[in-house]
Amino acid sequence: MTTRNAPSVTLRDIRRAAARIKGVAHRTPVLRSRTLDEAVGAEVHVKCENFQRIGAFKFRGAYNAASQLSQEQLKRGIAAYSSGNHAQAVALAARELGSTAVILMPEDTPRSKLEATAGYGAEIVTYDRYTGDRVALGEALAAERGLALIPPYEHPEVIAGQGTAALELIEEAGELGGLVVPVGGGGLIAGSATAAKGMHGATRVIGVEPEDGDDTRRSLEAGSRVGIAVPRTIADGQAAEMPGELTFSVNQRLVDEISLVSDDDIRAAMRFAFERLKIVVEPSGASALAALLAGRITRLPRRVGLIISGGNIDAARFADLCG
């Protein structure tokens, strides 16, 4: 069983990460909408990481981790494995730091994410996500080529970097009764929970997963990490099979609730964001908003923040999902 140990990432680590990424990552806007407030019955503050560099929060953690590599490591290059947003983030971070990147990506990754990753100069190696073990394949690739591996969430500096999104949100919005965050491997919510609880200990941290990808919910209920079959959901960025060991150790202590949303809930949230908030959000990025709109959160606080984690979706797929 996973125990509730002392935190491996602290608010101080997140503040240090914020200093490292300042001027490189964007300080993304916090959106307010009377229409949204009325729809959910709360004062909602929306942190728009779809406006982050590479179109998602992942750049924060990737750059924070990569910027601490030695010059010798940067010269050899960086490896990562990802379904898309972390891939782009590491590719761009490597380019910003004068390094190179090799990224392991699923064969069925949306074309827009494959093309964007290649566009940042990365070499792409593909695998079958339904038969291959991306962690083992990624570690083998890094070892074979002598690359520094930056995983998508199982890394304290990645988690600290992701936590800067919540740090900025709370600095701008003030104390929040609740913070709603999408959950994939758990890095964003681990960093967000560390920031939120470190700044205002009474803030409820609520994670959101797809119904068919509820590995974190099951794990928290069981008290230890639980694996599931590869989720089949439109939220490809949340298609995790098991929480990370590091992220779960943080989330087990700090996350108060996990809500589940259906693919139809996510589609409705994407349409709402487009039509009423005037922003484009990818399926994984829309899950926190979906939970609010669909009434999936119990005891919704009066003032609540949510993170739109990304907006990387092409026009054709958006129309196919939401048209």
Protein backbone atom coordinates (compact mmCIF):
# COMPACT_ATOMS: atom_id res chain seq x y z
CA MET A 1 0.00 0.00 0.00
CA THR A 2 1.14 3.53 -0.77
CA THR A 3 1.69 5.49 2.40
CA ARG A 4 1.03 9.15 3.03
CA ASN A 5 4.64 10.21 3.28
CA ALA A 6 6.09 13.69 3.53
CA PRO A 7 5.67 15.68 0.32
CA SER A 8 8.25 15.17 -2.41
CA VAL A 9 7.30 18.52 -3.97
CA THR A 10 6.67 21.66 -1.93
CA LEU A 11 5.24 25.13 -2.47
CA ARG A 12 8.81 26.40 -2.30
CA ASP A 13 9.74 24.11 -5.23
CA ILE A 14 6.83 25.52 -7.23
CA ARG A 15 7.86 29.11 -6.50
CA ARG A 16 11.39 28.29 -7.64
CA ALA A 17 9.98 26.72 -10.81
CA ALA A 18 7.97 29.90 -11.41
CA ALA A 19 11.19 31.92 -11.28
CA ARG A 20 12.91 29.56 -13.77
CA ILE A 21 10.14 29.66 -16.35
CA LYS A 22 9.43 33.39 -16.02
CA GLY A 23 9.86 35.10 -19.37
CA VAL A 24 9.95 31.74 -21.20
CA ALA A 25 6.53 30.26 -20.43
CA HIS A 26 3.48 32.49 -20.78
CA ARG A 27 1.60 33.75 -17.77
CA THR A 28 -1.76 32.66 -19.16
CA PRO A 29 -5.01 34.60 -18.67
CA VAL A 30 -7.68 33.89 -16.09
CA LEU A 31 -11.09 34.11 -17.73
CA ARG A 32 -14.37 35.12 -16.08
CA SER A 33 -17.84 34.60 -17.55
CA ARG A 34 -21.24 35.57 -16.13
CA THR A 35 -22.81 32.96 -18.39
CA LEU A 36 -20.61 30.24 -16.89
CA ASP A 37 -21.23 31.46 -13.33
CA GLU A 38 -24.99 31.32 -13.89
CA ALA A 39 -24.80 27.91 -15.54
CA VAL A 40 -23.01 26.28 -12.59
CA GLY A 41 -24.15 28.44 -9.66
CA ALA A 42 -20.69 29.57 -8.56
CA GLU A 43 -18.05 32.23 -9.18
CA VAL A 44 -15.68 30.49 -11.60
CA HIS A 45 -12.11 31.52 -12.43
CA VAL A 46 -10.81 29.75 -15.53
CA LYS A 47 -7.04 29.38 -15.98
CA CYS A 48 -6.56 29.15 -19.76
CA GLU A 49 -3.54 26.94 -20.38
CA ASN A 50 -4.74 26.52 -23.97
CA PHE A 51 -2.93 29.85 -24.43
CA GLN A 52 0.34 28.44 -23.07
CA ARG A 53 3.28 27.83 -25.40
CA ILE A 54 2.67 24.59 -27.37
CA GLY A 55 -1.01 25.03 -26.48
CA ALA A 56 -0.95 23.26 -23.11
CA PHE A 57 0.33 23.42 -19.53
CA LYS A 58 2.97 20.78 -20.27
CA PHE A 59 5.56 23.35 -21.33
CA ARG A 60 5.84 24.54 -17.74
CA GLY A 61 7.06 21.22 -16.35
CA ALA A 62 9.13 20.25 -19.37
CA TYR A 63 11.08 23.50 -19.37
CA ASN A 64 11.54 23.52 -15.59
CA ALA A 65 13.04 20.03 -15.71
CA ALA A 66 15.10 20.52 -18.88
CA SER A 67 16.54 23.85 -17.72
CA GLN A 68 18.25 22.05 -14.83
CA LEU A 69 20.12 19.56 -17.00
CA SER A 70 23.87 19.97 -17.30
CA GLN A 71 25.40 21.34 -20.48
CA GLU A 72 26.81 17.88 -21.18
CA GLN A 73 23.34 16.35 -20.88
CA LEU A 74 21.85 19.02 -23.10
CA LYS A 75 24.56 18.34 -25.67
CA ARG A 76 23.63 14.64 -25.76
CA GLY A 77 19.93 15.39 -26.06
CA ILE A 78 16.61 14.73 -24.33
CA ALA A 79 14.11 11.89 -24.64
CA ALA A 80 10.44 11.72 -23.68
CA TYR A 81 7.34 9.62 -24.21
CA SER A 82 3.96 11.23 -24.67
CA SER A 83 0.57 11.13 -26.38
CA GLY A 84 1.16 14.63 -27.65
CA ASN A 85 1.33 17.68 -25.38
CA HIS A 86 4.35 16.62 -23.32
CA ALA A 87 6.00 15.62 -26.60
CA GLN A 88 5.61 19.13 -27.95
CA ALA A 89 6.66 20.64 -24.63
CA VAL A 90 9.93 18.69 -24.44
CA ALA A 91 10.64 19.35 -28.11
CA LEU A 92 10.23 23.10 -27.62
CA ALA A 93 12.11 23.13 -24.31
CA ALA A 94 15.01 21.31 -25.97
CA ARG A 95 15.04 23.83 -28.81
CA GLU A 96 14.94 26.78 -26.40
CA LEU A 97 17.93 25.36 -24.51
CA GLY A 98 19.98 24.54 -27.63
CA SER A 99 19.45 20.79 -27.30
CA THR A 100 17.70 18.12 -29.36
CA ALA A 101 14.78 15.80 -28.57
CA VAL A 102 13.70 12.28 -29.48
CA ILE A 103 10.06 11.58 -28.63
CA LEU A 104 8.26 8.22 -28.37
CA MET A 105 4.62 8.72 -29.43
CA PRO A 106 1.62 6.39 -29.98
CA GLU A 107 0.85 5.55 -33.59
CA ASP A 108 -2.71 6.87 -33.15
CA THR A 109 -1.67 10.26 -31.76
CA PRO A 110 -3.77 13.00 -33.43
CA ARG A 111 -1.97 14.17 -36.55
CA SER A 112 -1.93 17.78 -35.37
CA LYS A 113 0.14 16.78 -32.32
CA LEU A 114 2.55 14.65 -34.37
CA GLU A 115 3.10 17.46 -36.85
CA ALA A 116 3.52 20.07 -34.12
CA THR A 117 6.12 17.94 -32.31
CA ALA A 118 8.08 17.43 -35.52
CA GLY A 119 7.72 21.14 -36.23
CA TYR A 120 9.68 21.95 -33.07
CA GLY A 121 12.55 19.89 -34.46
CA ALA A 122 12.06 16.60 -32.60
CA GLU A 123 12.69 13.15 -33.99
CA ILE A 124 9.58 10.99 -33.53
CA VAL A 125 9.60 7.26 -32.83
CA THR A 126 6.14 5.61 -32.79
CA TYR A 127 4.72 2.60 -30.95
CA ASP A 128 1.36 0.83 -30.47
CA ARG A 129 -0.14 2.15 -27.21
CA TYR A 130 -2.40 -0.92 -26.89
CA THR A 131 0.43 -3.46 -26.96
CA GLY A 132 3.59 -1.56 -26.03
CA ASP A 133 4.84 -0.39 -22.62
CA ARG A 134 5.78 3.23 -23.22
CA VAL A 135 7.78 3.56 -20.02
CA ALA A 136 9.95 0.54 -20.82
CA LEU A 137 10.28 1.58 -24.46
CA GLY A 138 11.13 5.17 -23.51
CA GLU A 139 13.73 4.14 -20.94
CA ALA A 140 15.31 1.75 -23.43
CA LEU A 141 15.42 4.45 -26.11
CA ALA A 142 17.05 6.95 -23.75
CA ALA A 143 19.61 4.41 -22.53
CA GLU A 144 20.48 3.28 -26.05
CA ARG A 145 21.13 6.82 -27.26
CA GLY A 146 22.52 8.30 -24.05
CA LEU A 147 19.69 10.81 -23.69
CA ALA A 148 18.30 12.48 -20.57
CA LEU A 149 14.76 11.17 -20.09
CA ILE A 150 12.06 13.62 -18.97
CA PRO A 151 8.87 11.63 -18.26
CA PRO A 152 5.46 13.32 -18.56
CA TYR A 153 4.68 13.30 -14.84
CA GLU A 154 6.94 11.01 -12.77
CA HIS A 155 9.54 13.69 -12.07
CA PRO A 156 9.56 16.18 -9.15
CA GLU A 157 10.69 19.11 -11.32
CA VAL A 158 7.97 18.35 -13.88
CA ILE A 159 5.37 18.33 -11.10
CA ALA A 160 6.76 21.58 -9.66
CA GLY A 161 6.59 23.22 -13.08
CA GLN A 162 2.99 22.13 -13.61
CA GLY A 163 2.08 23.56 -10.22
CA THR A 164 2.95 27.05 -11.43
CA ALA A 165 -0.36 27.20 -13.34
CA ALA A 166 -2.34 26.91 -10.09
CA LEU A 167 0.11 29.26 -8.35
CA GLU A 168 -0.61 31.96 -10.93
CA LEU A 169 -4.36 31.31 -10.81
CA ILE A 170 -4.54 31.73 -7.03
CA GLU A 171 -2.22 34.75 -7.07
CA GLU A 172 -4.67 36.45 -9.45
CA ALA A 173 -8.03 35.16 -8.19
CA GLY A 174 -7.29 35.04 -4.49
CA GLU A 175 -8.36 32.30 -2.10
CA LEU A 176 -10.59 29.68 -3.74
CA GLY A 177 -12.97 27.29 -2.06
CA GLY A 178 -12.23 24.68 -4.69
CA LEU A 179 -9.84 23.95 -7.54
CA VAL A 180 -10.93 21.62 -10.36
CA VAL A 181 -8.17 20.00 -12.39
CA PRO A 182 -8.02 17.39 -15.21
CA VAL A 183 -6.24 14.16 -14.27
CA GLY A 184 -4.19 12.00 -16.60
CA GLY A 185 -0.97 10.66 -15.13
CA GLY A 186 -1.44 12.99 -12.18
CA GLY A 187 1.34 15.56 -12.59
CA LEU A 188 -0.85 18.61 -13.12
CA ILE A 189 -3.12 17.87 -10.18
CA ALA A 190 -0.17 16.92 -7.94
CA GLY A 191 1.48 20.27 -8.63
CA SER A 192 -1.83 22.12 -8.44
CA ALA A 193 -2.79 20.50 -5.14
CA THR A 194 0.63 21.28 -3.67
CA ALA A 195 0.27 24.93 -4.68
CA ALA A 196 -3.35 25.27 -3.58
CA LYS A 197 -2.99 23.55 -0.21
CA GLY A 198 0.31 25.32 0.42
CA MET A 199 -1.27 28.74 -0.13
CA HIS A 200 -4.69 28.11 1.44
CA GLY A 201 -4.99 24.81 3.25
CA ALA A 202 -8.81 24.75 3.21
CA THR A 203 -9.08 24.73 -0.60
CA ARG A 204 -10.78 21.55 -1.86
CA VAL A 205 -8.87 19.99 -4.75
CA ILE A 206 -11.07 18.08 -7.17
CA GLY A 207 -9.68 15.96 -9.97
CA VAL A 208 -11.61 15.02 -13.09
CA GLU A 209 -11.16 11.84 -15.12
CA PRO A 210 -13.02 10.29 -18.08
CA GLU A 211 -15.46 7.58 -17.02
CA ASP A 212 -13.48 4.95 -18.91
CA GLY A 213 -10.14 6.17 -17.55
CA ASP A 214 -10.71 6.30 -13.81
CA ASP A 215 -7.43 4.79 -12.63
CA THR A 216 -6.77 7.58 -10.13
CA ARG A 217 -10.27 7.40 -8.63
CA ARG A 218 -9.97 3.62 -8.22
CA SER A 219 -6.48 3.96 -6.77
CA LEU A 220 -7.51 6.56 -4.20
CA GLU A 221 -10.45 4.42 -3.15
CA ALA A 222 -8.23 1.32 -2.86
CA GLY A 223 -5.42 3.10 -1.04
CA SER A 224 -2.84 1.89 -3.56
CA ARG A 225 -2.22 2.22 -7.29
CA VAL A 226 -4.68 0.31 -9.45
CA GLY A 227 -4.12 -0.48 -13.13
CA ILE A 228 -6.87 -0.52 -15.76
CA ALA A 229 -7.08 -1.43 -19.44
CA VAL A 230 -5.91 1.30 -21.84
CA PRO A 231 -8.83 3.74 -21.79
CA ARG A 232 -10.74 4.34 -25.00
CA THR A 233 -11.91 7.92 -24.70
CA ILE A 234 -11.87 11.08 -26.80
CA ALA A 235 -9.71 12.57 -24.03
CA ASP A 236 -6.49 11.02 -25.36
CA GLY A 237 -4.33 13.09 -23.01
CA GLN A 238 -6.07 11.44 -20.05
CA ALA A 239 -5.79 7.87 -21.31
CA ALA A 240 -3.60 6.69 -18.41
CA GLU A 241 -3.56 3.06 -17.29
CA MET A 242 -2.22 3.64 -13.78
CA PRO A 243 -1.25 6.69 -11.70
CA GLY A 244 2.44 7.36 -11.36
CA GLU A 245 4.05 6.26 -8.11
CA LEU A 246 5.32 9.76 -7.34
CA THR A 247 2.17 11.57 -8.43
CA PHE A 248 -0.05 9.15 -6.51
CA SER A 249 1.97 9.66 -3.32
CA VAL A 250 1.20 13.39 -3.58
CA ASN A 251 -2.41 13.06 -4.71
CA GLN A 252 -3.26 10.50 -2.04
CA ARG A 253 -2.46 13.14 0.58
CA LEU A 254 -3.83 16.24 -1.06
CA VAL A 255 -6.68 15.46 -3.48
CA ASP A 256 -10.13 15.63 -1.88
CA GLU A 257 -12.33 14.20 -4.61
CA ILE A 258 -12.28 12.68 -8.10
CA SER A 259 -15.23 13.34 -10.39
CA LEU A 260 -15.92 11.42 -13.59
CA VAL A 261 -17.21 12.77 -16.89
CA SER A 262 -18.47 11.04 -20.01
CA ASP A 263 -17.28 11.70 -23.53
CA ASP A 264 -20.65 13.40 -24.15
CA ASP A 265 -20.03 15.68 -21.14
CA ILE A 266 -16.66 16.60 -22.63
CA ARG A 267 -18.15 17.32 -26.06
CA ALA A 268 -20.75 19.58 -24.46
CA ALA A 269 -18.03 21.45 -22.57
CA MET A 270 -15.98 21.91 -25.73
CA ARG A 271 -19.02 23.37 -27.47
CA PHE A 272 -19.79 25.64 -24.49
CA ALA A 273 -16.19 26.90 -24.42
CA PHE A 274 -16.28 27.62 -28.15
CA GLU A 275 -19.73 29.20 -28.31
CA ARG A 276 -19.91 31.06 -24.99
CA LEU A 277 -16.33 31.55 -23.79
CA LYS A 278 -14.90 31.97 -27.31
CA ILE A 279 -11.97 29.62 -26.75
CA VAL A 280 -10.93 26.36 -28.39
CA VAL A 281 -10.29 23.48 -25.99
CA GLU A 282 -9.15 19.92 -26.67
CA PRO A 283 -11.06 17.02 -25.07
CA SER A 284 -8.62 16.47 -22.20
CA GLY A 285 -8.46 20.20 -21.60
CA ALA A 286 -12.25 20.42 -21.31
CA SER A 287 -12.80 17.77 -18.65
CA ALA A 288 -12.68 20.11 -15.63
CA LEU A 289 -15.17 22.44 -17.30
CA ALA A 290 -17.28 19.41 -18.21
CA ALA A 291 -17.48 18.36 -14.57
CA LEU A 292 -18.79 21.78 -13.57
CA LEU A 293 -21.32 22.07 -16.40
CA ALA A 294 -22.62 18.52 -15.93
CA GLY A 295 -23.03 18.95 -12.17
CA ARG A 296 -20.57 16.16 -11.37
CA ILE A 297 -18.98 17.89 -8.36
CA THR A 298 -20.49 17.49 -4.91
CA ARG A 299 -20.71 20.50 -2.57
CA LEU A 300 -19.49 22.98 -5.16
CA PRO A 301 -17.78 25.91 -3.36
CA ARG A 302 -18.97 29.47 -3.92
CA ARG A 303 -15.63 30.51 -5.47
CA VAL A 304 -13.96 27.90 -7.62
CA GLY A 305 -11.01 27.80 -10.00
CA LEU A 306 -10.56 25.40 -12.87
CA ILE A 307 -7.73 24.67 -15.24
CA ILE A 308 -8.28 24.36 -18.97
CA SER A 309 -5.23 22.22 -19.55
CA GLY A 310 -4.86 22.48 -23.33
CA GLY A 311 -6.27 23.43 -26.71
CA ASN A 312 -4.39 21.25 -29.18
CA ILE A 313 -7.05 20.05 -31.58
CA ASP A 314 -7.32 20.61 -35.32
CA ALA A 315 -10.41 22.01 -37.02
CA ALA A 316 -11.43 18.71 -38.61
CA ARG A 317 -11.39 16.76 -35.34
CA PHE A 318 -13.11 19.56 -33.46
CA ALA A 319 -15.89 19.59 -36.05
CA ASP A 320 -16.15 15.81 -35.97
CA LEU A 321 -16.51 15.76 -32.17
CA CYS A 322 -18.64 18.86 -31.68
CA GLY A 323 -20.39 19.51 -34.96
